[in-house]
């Protein structure tokens, strides 16, 4: 499984935690800078960011990916829309949380959010 990381770099400990949660080996972490220019339209910036990863259409549709979303909410929403369009489904995403009272500040992997399952369950509420 590959991780597309749009946030702070993941530590070796976090990657071990992720492997335990997903039950498979993380073969690669693709660090994807997610800095945006707030003065220009967002969607083309996110599209370019994803294009620069270099995946083919086949890789987007068949690869096993886990996403660590950008922290900026509208960037995260736009990344998800682009990924759904490229992949054909919502990818699973990481949720990290800060440990309280820790110096230096640290984050732990809390869960893997299965967004496609969330979507499918929500369809029943139409």
N, C-alpha and C. Protein backbone atom coordinates (compact mmCIF):
# COMPACT_ATOMS: atom_id res chain seq x y z
N UNK A 1 0.85 -1.17 0.00
CA UNK A 1 0.00 0.00 0.00
C UNK A 1 0.89 1.23 0.00
N UNK A 2 0.46 2.24 -0.76
CA UNK A 2 1.17 3.51 -0.79
C UNK A 2 0.36 4.56 -0.02
N UNK A 3 1.09 5.46 0.63
CA UNK A 3 0.45 6.58 1.30
C UNK A 3 0.75 7.83 0.49
N UNK A 4 -0.29 8.58 0.15
CA UNK A 4 -0.13 9.92 -0.42
C UNK A 4 -0.23 10.88 0.75
N UNK A 5 0.87 11.51 1.08
CA UNK A 5 0.92 12.37 2.26
C UNK A 5 0.94 13.84 1.86
N UNK A 6 -0.16 14.53 2.15
CA UNK A 6 -0.30 15.95 1.86
C UNK A 6 -0.07 16.80 3.11
N UNK A 7 0.35 16.18 4.20
CA UNK A 7 0.51 16.89 5.47
C UNK A 7 1.96 16.78 5.95
N UNK A 8 2.16 16.96 7.26
CA UNK A 8 3.50 16.85 7.83
C UNK A 8 4.07 15.46 7.56
N UNK A 9 5.37 15.34 7.46
CA UNK A 9 5.98 14.02 7.25
C UNK A 9 5.57 13.04 8.34
N UNK A 10 5.36 11.79 7.96
CA UNK A 10 5.00 10.74 8.91
C UNK A 10 6.27 10.14 9.49
N UNK A 11 6.22 9.84 10.78
CA UNK A 11 7.37 9.23 11.44
C UNK A 11 7.36 7.71 11.21
N UNK A 12 8.49 7.07 11.48
CA UNK A 12 8.56 5.61 11.38
C UNK A 12 7.54 4.97 12.32
N UNK A 13 7.38 5.54 13.51
CA UNK A 13 6.41 5.01 14.47
C UNK A 13 4.99 5.10 13.93
N UNK A 14 4.64 6.23 13.31
CA UNK A 14 3.31 6.38 12.73
C UNK A 14 3.09 5.39 11.60
N UNK A 15 4.10 5.17 10.79
CA UNK A 15 3.97 4.21 9.69
C UNK A 15 3.76 2.80 10.24
N UNK A 16 4.45 2.44 11.31
CA UNK A 16 4.23 1.14 11.96
C UNK A 16 2.79 1.04 12.47
N UNK A 17 2.28 2.11 13.08
CA UNK A 17 0.89 2.12 13.58
C UNK A 17 -0.09 1.93 12.42
N UNK A 18 0.17 2.58 11.31
CA UNK A 18 -0.70 2.47 10.14
C UNK A 18 -0.70 1.04 9.61
N UNK A 19 0.48 0.43 9.52
CA UNK A 19 0.58 -0.95 9.03
C UNK A 19 -0.22 -1.90 9.91
N UNK A 20 -0.19 -1.68 11.22
CA UNK A 20 -0.97 -2.52 12.13
C UNK A 20 -2.46 -2.33 11.86
N UNK A 21 -2.90 -1.09 11.69
CA UNK A 21 -4.32 -0.82 11.46
C UNK A 21 -4.83 -1.39 10.14
N UNK A 22 -4.03 -1.26 9.07
CA UNK A 22 -4.50 -1.72 7.75
C UNK A 22 -4.16 -3.18 7.49
N UNK A 23 -3.21 -3.72 8.23
CA UNK A 23 -2.87 -5.12 8.07
C UNK A 23 -2.05 -5.46 6.84
N UNK A 24 -1.48 -4.44 6.22
CA UNK A 24 -0.60 -4.66 5.06
C UNK A 24 0.62 -3.77 5.18
N UNK A 25 1.65 -4.11 4.42
CA UNK A 25 2.89 -3.33 4.43
C UNK A 25 2.72 -2.02 3.66
N UNK A 26 3.25 -0.96 4.23
CA UNK A 26 3.33 0.32 3.52
C UNK A 26 4.59 0.25 2.67
N UNK A 27 4.42 0.26 1.36
CA UNK A 27 5.57 0.10 0.47
C UNK A 27 6.22 1.42 0.10
N UNK A 28 5.43 2.51 0.21
CA UNK A 28 5.97 3.82 -0.18
C UNK A 28 5.13 4.92 0.43
N UNK A 29 5.80 5.98 0.84
CA UNK A 29 5.11 7.20 1.28
C UNK A 29 5.51 8.29 0.30
N UNK A 30 4.53 8.77 -0.44
CA UNK A 30 4.77 9.83 -1.42
C UNK A 30 4.46 11.17 -0.77
N UNK A 31 5.51 11.92 -0.47
CA UNK A 31 5.35 13.24 0.14
C UNK A 31 4.91 14.21 -0.95
N UNK A 32 3.73 14.77 -0.79
CA UNK A 32 3.16 15.65 -1.79
C UNK A 32 2.94 17.03 -1.18
N UNK A 33 3.78 18.01 -1.53
CA UNK A 33 3.61 19.35 -0.97
C UNK A 33 2.20 19.89 -1.27
N UNK A 34 1.57 20.46 -0.26
CA UNK A 34 0.19 20.92 -0.45
C UNK A 34 0.03 22.42 -0.20
N UNK A 35 1.14 23.14 -0.24
CA UNK A 35 1.07 24.60 -0.07
C UNK A 35 0.32 25.19 -1.25
N UNK A 36 -0.63 26.06 -0.95
CA UNK A 36 -1.41 26.68 -2.02
C UNK A 36 -1.27 28.20 -1.97
N UNK A 37 -1.61 28.80 -3.09
CA UNK A 37 -1.64 30.26 -3.19
C UNK A 37 -3.10 30.67 -2.96
N UNK A 38 -3.37 31.33 -1.85
CA UNK A 38 -4.74 31.70 -1.51
C UNK A 38 -5.30 32.81 -2.39
N UNK A 39 -4.47 33.41 -3.22
CA UNK A 39 -4.91 34.50 -4.08
C UNK A 39 -5.34 34.03 -5.47
N UNK A 40 -5.16 32.73 -5.76
CA UNK A 40 -5.54 32.22 -7.08
C UNK A 40 -6.51 31.06 -6.92
N UNK A 41 -7.26 30.71 -7.98
CA UNK A 41 -8.24 29.62 -7.87
C UNK A 41 -7.60 28.31 -7.38
N UNK A 42 -8.30 27.64 -6.51
CA UNK A 42 -7.78 26.45 -5.85
C UNK A 42 -7.80 25.20 -6.72
N UNK A 43 -8.90 24.94 -7.41
CA UNK A 43 -9.04 23.68 -8.14
C UNK A 43 -7.88 23.41 -9.11
N UNK A 44 -7.45 24.40 -9.92
CA UNK A 44 -6.31 24.12 -10.81
C UNK A 44 -5.02 23.81 -10.04
N UNK A 45 -4.85 24.41 -8.87
CA UNK A 45 -3.65 24.13 -8.07
C UNK A 45 -3.65 22.67 -7.58
N UNK A 46 -4.80 22.21 -7.12
CA UNK A 46 -4.91 20.83 -6.63
C UNK A 46 -4.76 19.85 -7.79
N UNK A 47 -5.36 20.17 -8.92
CA UNK A 47 -5.23 19.31 -10.10
C UNK A 47 -3.75 19.16 -10.49
N UNK A 48 -3.03 20.26 -10.51
CA UNK A 48 -1.60 20.24 -10.85
C UNK A 48 -0.82 19.42 -9.82
N UNK A 49 -1.15 19.61 -8.55
CA UNK A 49 -0.49 18.88 -7.46
C UNK A 49 -0.63 17.36 -7.67
N UNK A 50 -1.83 16.93 -8.01
CA UNK A 50 -2.07 15.50 -8.22
C UNK A 50 -1.44 15.01 -9.52
N UNK A 51 -1.48 15.85 -10.56
CA UNK A 51 -0.82 15.47 -11.82
C UNK A 51 0.67 15.22 -11.61
N UNK A 52 1.29 16.03 -10.75
CA UNK A 52 2.73 15.92 -10.52
C UNK A 52 3.13 14.64 -9.78
N UNK A 53 2.17 13.94 -9.21
CA UNK A 53 2.47 12.64 -8.60
C UNK A 53 2.92 11.67 -9.69
N UNK A 54 2.36 11.84 -10.89
CA UNK A 54 2.82 11.06 -12.04
C UNK A 54 2.12 9.72 -12.26
N UNK A 55 1.03 9.47 -11.57
CA UNK A 55 0.30 8.22 -11.79
C UNK A 55 -0.42 8.25 -13.13
N UNK A 56 -0.51 7.08 -13.75
CA UNK A 56 -1.33 6.93 -14.94
C UNK A 56 -2.79 6.76 -14.51
N UNK A 57 -3.70 6.84 -15.47
CA UNK A 57 -5.12 6.61 -15.15
C UNK A 57 -5.30 5.21 -14.55
N UNK A 58 -4.59 4.23 -15.08
CA UNK A 58 -4.68 2.86 -14.56
C UNK A 58 -4.19 2.79 -13.12
N UNK A 59 -3.09 3.47 -12.81
CA UNK A 59 -2.56 3.46 -11.44
C UNK A 59 -3.54 4.12 -10.46
N UNK A 60 -4.18 5.21 -10.88
CA UNK A 60 -5.16 5.85 -10.00
C UNK A 60 -6.31 4.89 -9.71
N UNK A 61 -6.73 4.14 -10.72
CA UNK A 61 -7.91 3.29 -10.57
C UNK A 61 -7.63 1.95 -9.92
N UNK A 62 -6.40 1.47 -9.97
CA UNK A 62 -6.12 0.13 -9.46
C UNK A 62 -5.13 0.11 -8.29
N UNK A 63 -4.47 1.22 -8.02
CA UNK A 63 -3.50 1.25 -6.93
C UNK A 63 -4.15 1.17 -5.57
N UNK A 64 -3.41 0.69 -4.61
CA UNK A 64 -3.89 0.62 -3.23
C UNK A 64 -3.31 1.82 -2.50
N UNK A 65 -4.16 2.83 -2.28
CA UNK A 65 -3.70 4.10 -1.73
C UNK A 65 -4.40 4.43 -0.42
N UNK A 66 -3.66 5.06 0.45
CA UNK A 66 -4.16 5.62 1.71
C UNK A 66 -3.76 7.08 1.70
N UNK A 67 -4.67 7.96 2.08
CA UNK A 67 -4.44 9.39 1.94
C UNK A 67 -4.30 10.06 3.31
N UNK A 68 -3.25 10.87 3.45
CA UNK A 68 -3.14 11.77 4.60
C UNK A 68 -3.43 13.17 4.05
N UNK A 69 -4.64 13.63 4.30
CA UNK A 69 -5.14 14.86 3.68
C UNK A 69 -4.39 16.11 4.15
N UNK A 70 -4.42 17.16 3.32
CA UNK A 70 -3.89 18.45 3.78
C UNK A 70 -4.74 18.96 4.94
N UNK A 71 -4.14 19.73 5.81
CA UNK A 71 -4.86 20.25 6.97
C UNK A 71 -5.86 21.34 6.61
N UNK A 72 -5.59 22.10 5.58
CA UNK A 72 -6.48 23.18 5.17
C UNK A 72 -7.78 22.59 4.62
N UNK A 73 -8.91 22.95 5.24
CA UNK A 73 -10.17 22.28 4.94
C UNK A 73 -10.58 22.34 3.47
N UNK A 74 -10.45 23.48 2.83
CA UNK A 74 -10.90 23.55 1.44
C UNK A 74 -9.92 22.87 0.50
N UNK A 75 -8.67 22.77 0.88
CA UNK A 75 -7.72 21.96 0.10
C UNK A 75 -8.08 20.48 0.23
N UNK A 76 -8.40 20.05 1.45
CA UNK A 76 -8.77 18.65 1.67
C UNK A 76 -10.02 18.28 0.87
N UNK A 77 -11.02 19.16 0.88
CA UNK A 77 -12.25 18.89 0.12
C UNK A 77 -11.96 18.78 -1.37
N UNK A 78 -11.12 19.65 -1.88
CA UNK A 78 -10.81 19.64 -3.30
C UNK A 78 -9.96 18.43 -3.67
N UNK A 79 -9.03 18.05 -2.80
CA UNK A 79 -8.25 16.82 -3.03
C UNK A 79 -9.19 15.63 -3.11
N UNK A 80 -10.14 15.53 -2.19
CA UNK A 80 -11.07 14.40 -2.20
C UNK A 80 -11.91 14.37 -3.48
N UNK A 81 -12.37 15.52 -3.93
CA UNK A 81 -13.16 15.57 -5.17
C UNK A 81 -12.31 15.11 -6.35
N UNK A 82 -11.07 15.59 -6.43
CA UNK A 82 -10.17 15.18 -7.52
C UNK A 82 -9.88 13.68 -7.44
N UNK A 83 -9.59 13.18 -6.24
CA UNK A 83 -9.27 11.76 -6.10
C UNK A 83 -10.46 10.88 -6.47
N UNK A 84 -11.65 11.27 -6.05
CA UNK A 84 -12.84 10.50 -6.41
C UNK A 84 -13.01 10.46 -7.92
N UNK A 85 -12.78 11.58 -8.56
CA UNK A 85 -12.88 11.61 -10.02
C UNK A 85 -11.85 10.72 -10.70
N UNK A 86 -10.64 10.69 -10.19
CA UNK A 86 -9.56 9.89 -10.78
C UNK A 86 -9.67 8.41 -10.44
N UNK A 87 -10.11 8.11 -9.22
CA UNK A 87 -10.12 6.74 -8.73
C UNK A 87 -11.46 6.04 -8.94
N UNK A 88 -12.54 6.81 -8.97
CA UNK A 88 -13.86 6.23 -9.12
C UNK A 88 -14.53 5.91 -7.79
N UNK A 89 -13.89 6.23 -6.70
CA UNK A 89 -14.44 5.99 -5.36
C UNK A 89 -13.68 6.89 -4.39
N UNK A 90 -14.21 7.00 -3.17
CA UNK A 90 -13.51 7.76 -2.14
C UNK A 90 -12.43 6.88 -1.53
N UNK A 91 -11.21 7.38 -1.43
CA UNK A 91 -10.13 6.58 -0.84
C UNK A 91 -10.20 6.61 0.69
N UNK A 92 -9.57 5.63 1.33
CA UNK A 92 -9.46 5.70 2.79
C UNK A 92 -8.49 6.81 3.18
N UNK A 93 -8.76 7.43 4.32
CA UNK A 93 -7.90 8.52 4.78
C UNK A 93 -7.47 8.27 6.23
N UNK A 94 -6.31 8.83 6.55
CA UNK A 94 -5.78 8.74 7.91
C UNK A 94 -6.41 9.80 8.80
N UNK A 95 -6.58 9.44 10.06
CA UNK A 95 -6.94 10.44 11.07
C UNK A 95 -5.89 10.36 12.17
N UNK A 96 -5.21 11.46 12.38
CA UNK A 96 -4.22 11.56 13.44
C UNK A 96 -4.74 12.53 14.49
N UNK A 97 -4.30 12.35 15.71
CA UNK A 97 -4.69 13.28 16.77
C UNK A 97 -3.46 13.61 17.60
N UNK A 98 -3.46 14.82 18.17
CA UNK A 98 -2.31 15.19 19.01
C UNK A 98 -2.39 14.49 20.35
N UNK A 99 -1.24 14.15 20.88
CA UNK A 99 -1.16 13.65 22.25
C UNK A 99 -1.12 14.85 23.18
N UNK A 100 -1.99 14.90 24.14
CA UNK A 100 -2.03 16.04 25.04
C UNK A 100 -0.91 15.96 26.05
N UNK A 101 -0.34 17.11 26.37
CA UNK A 101 0.69 17.20 27.38
C UNK A 101 2.06 16.71 26.94
N UNK A 102 2.22 16.41 25.67
CA UNK A 102 3.50 15.91 25.17
C UNK A 102 4.41 17.06 24.75
N UNK A 103 5.65 16.99 25.17
CA UNK A 103 6.67 17.93 24.70
C UNK A 103 7.84 17.08 24.22
N UNK A 104 8.22 17.15 22.97
CA UNK A 104 7.64 17.98 21.93
C UNK A 104 6.28 17.46 21.49
N UNK A 105 5.54 18.32 20.79
CA UNK A 105 4.20 18.02 20.29
C UNK A 105 4.27 16.81 19.36
N UNK A 106 3.41 15.80 19.61
CA UNK A 106 3.40 14.59 18.78
C UNK A 106 1.97 14.22 18.40
N UNK A 107 1.87 13.55 17.24
CA UNK A 107 0.58 13.05 16.76
C UNK A 107 0.63 11.53 16.70
N UNK A 108 -0.49 10.89 17.02
CA UNK A 108 -0.61 9.45 16.89
C UNK A 108 -1.71 9.13 15.88
N UNK A 109 -1.54 8.00 15.22
CA UNK A 109 -2.55 7.54 14.28
C UNK A 109 -3.73 7.04 15.08
N UNK A 110 -4.90 7.59 14.79
CA UNK A 110 -6.09 7.25 15.56
C UNK A 110 -6.97 6.23 14.84
N UNK A 111 -7.17 6.44 13.55
CA UNK A 111 -8.00 5.50 12.79
C UNK A 111 -7.81 5.71 11.30
N UNK A 112 -8.28 4.74 10.54
CA UNK A 112 -8.36 4.85 9.09
C UNK A 112 -9.84 5.04 8.78
N UNK A 113 -10.16 6.14 8.13
CA UNK A 113 -11.56 6.43 7.78
C UNK A 113 -11.86 5.84 6.41
N UNK A 114 -12.81 4.92 6.36
CA UNK A 114 -13.24 4.33 5.11
C UNK A 114 -14.34 5.22 4.53
N UNK A 115 -13.94 6.23 3.77
CA UNK A 115 -14.90 7.21 3.26
C UNK A 115 -15.91 6.60 2.29
N UNK A 116 -15.50 5.59 1.54
CA UNK A 116 -16.45 4.96 0.62
C UNK A 116 -17.56 4.28 1.40
N UNK A 117 -17.22 3.63 2.51
CA UNK A 117 -18.24 3.00 3.34
C UNK A 117 -19.15 4.05 3.97
N UNK A 118 -18.57 5.18 4.38
CA UNK A 118 -19.37 6.28 4.93
C UNK A 118 -20.37 6.77 3.88
N UNK A 119 -19.89 6.92 2.65
CA UNK A 119 -20.75 7.37 1.55
C UNK A 119 -21.89 6.38 1.31
N UNK A 120 -21.54 5.08 1.24
CA UNK A 120 -22.55 4.07 0.97
C UNK A 120 -23.62 4.04 2.06
N UNK A 121 -23.21 4.17 3.30
CA UNK A 121 -24.17 4.18 4.41
C UNK A 121 -25.05 5.43 4.34
N UNK A 122 -24.47 6.55 3.98
CA UNK A 122 -25.24 7.80 3.89
C UNK A 122 -26.28 7.76 2.77
N UNK A 123 -26.01 6.97 1.73
CA UNK A 123 -26.99 6.87 0.62
C UNK A 123 -28.33 6.34 1.11
N UNK A 124 -28.31 5.54 2.17
CA UNK A 124 -29.55 5.00 2.72
C UNK A 124 -30.41 6.05 3.40
N UNK A 125 -29.89 7.23 3.58
CA UNK A 125 -30.65 8.30 4.23
C UNK A 125 -31.28 9.25 3.23
N UNK A 126 -31.19 8.91 1.95
CA UNK A 126 -31.80 9.78 0.93
C UNK A 126 -33.30 9.79 1.06
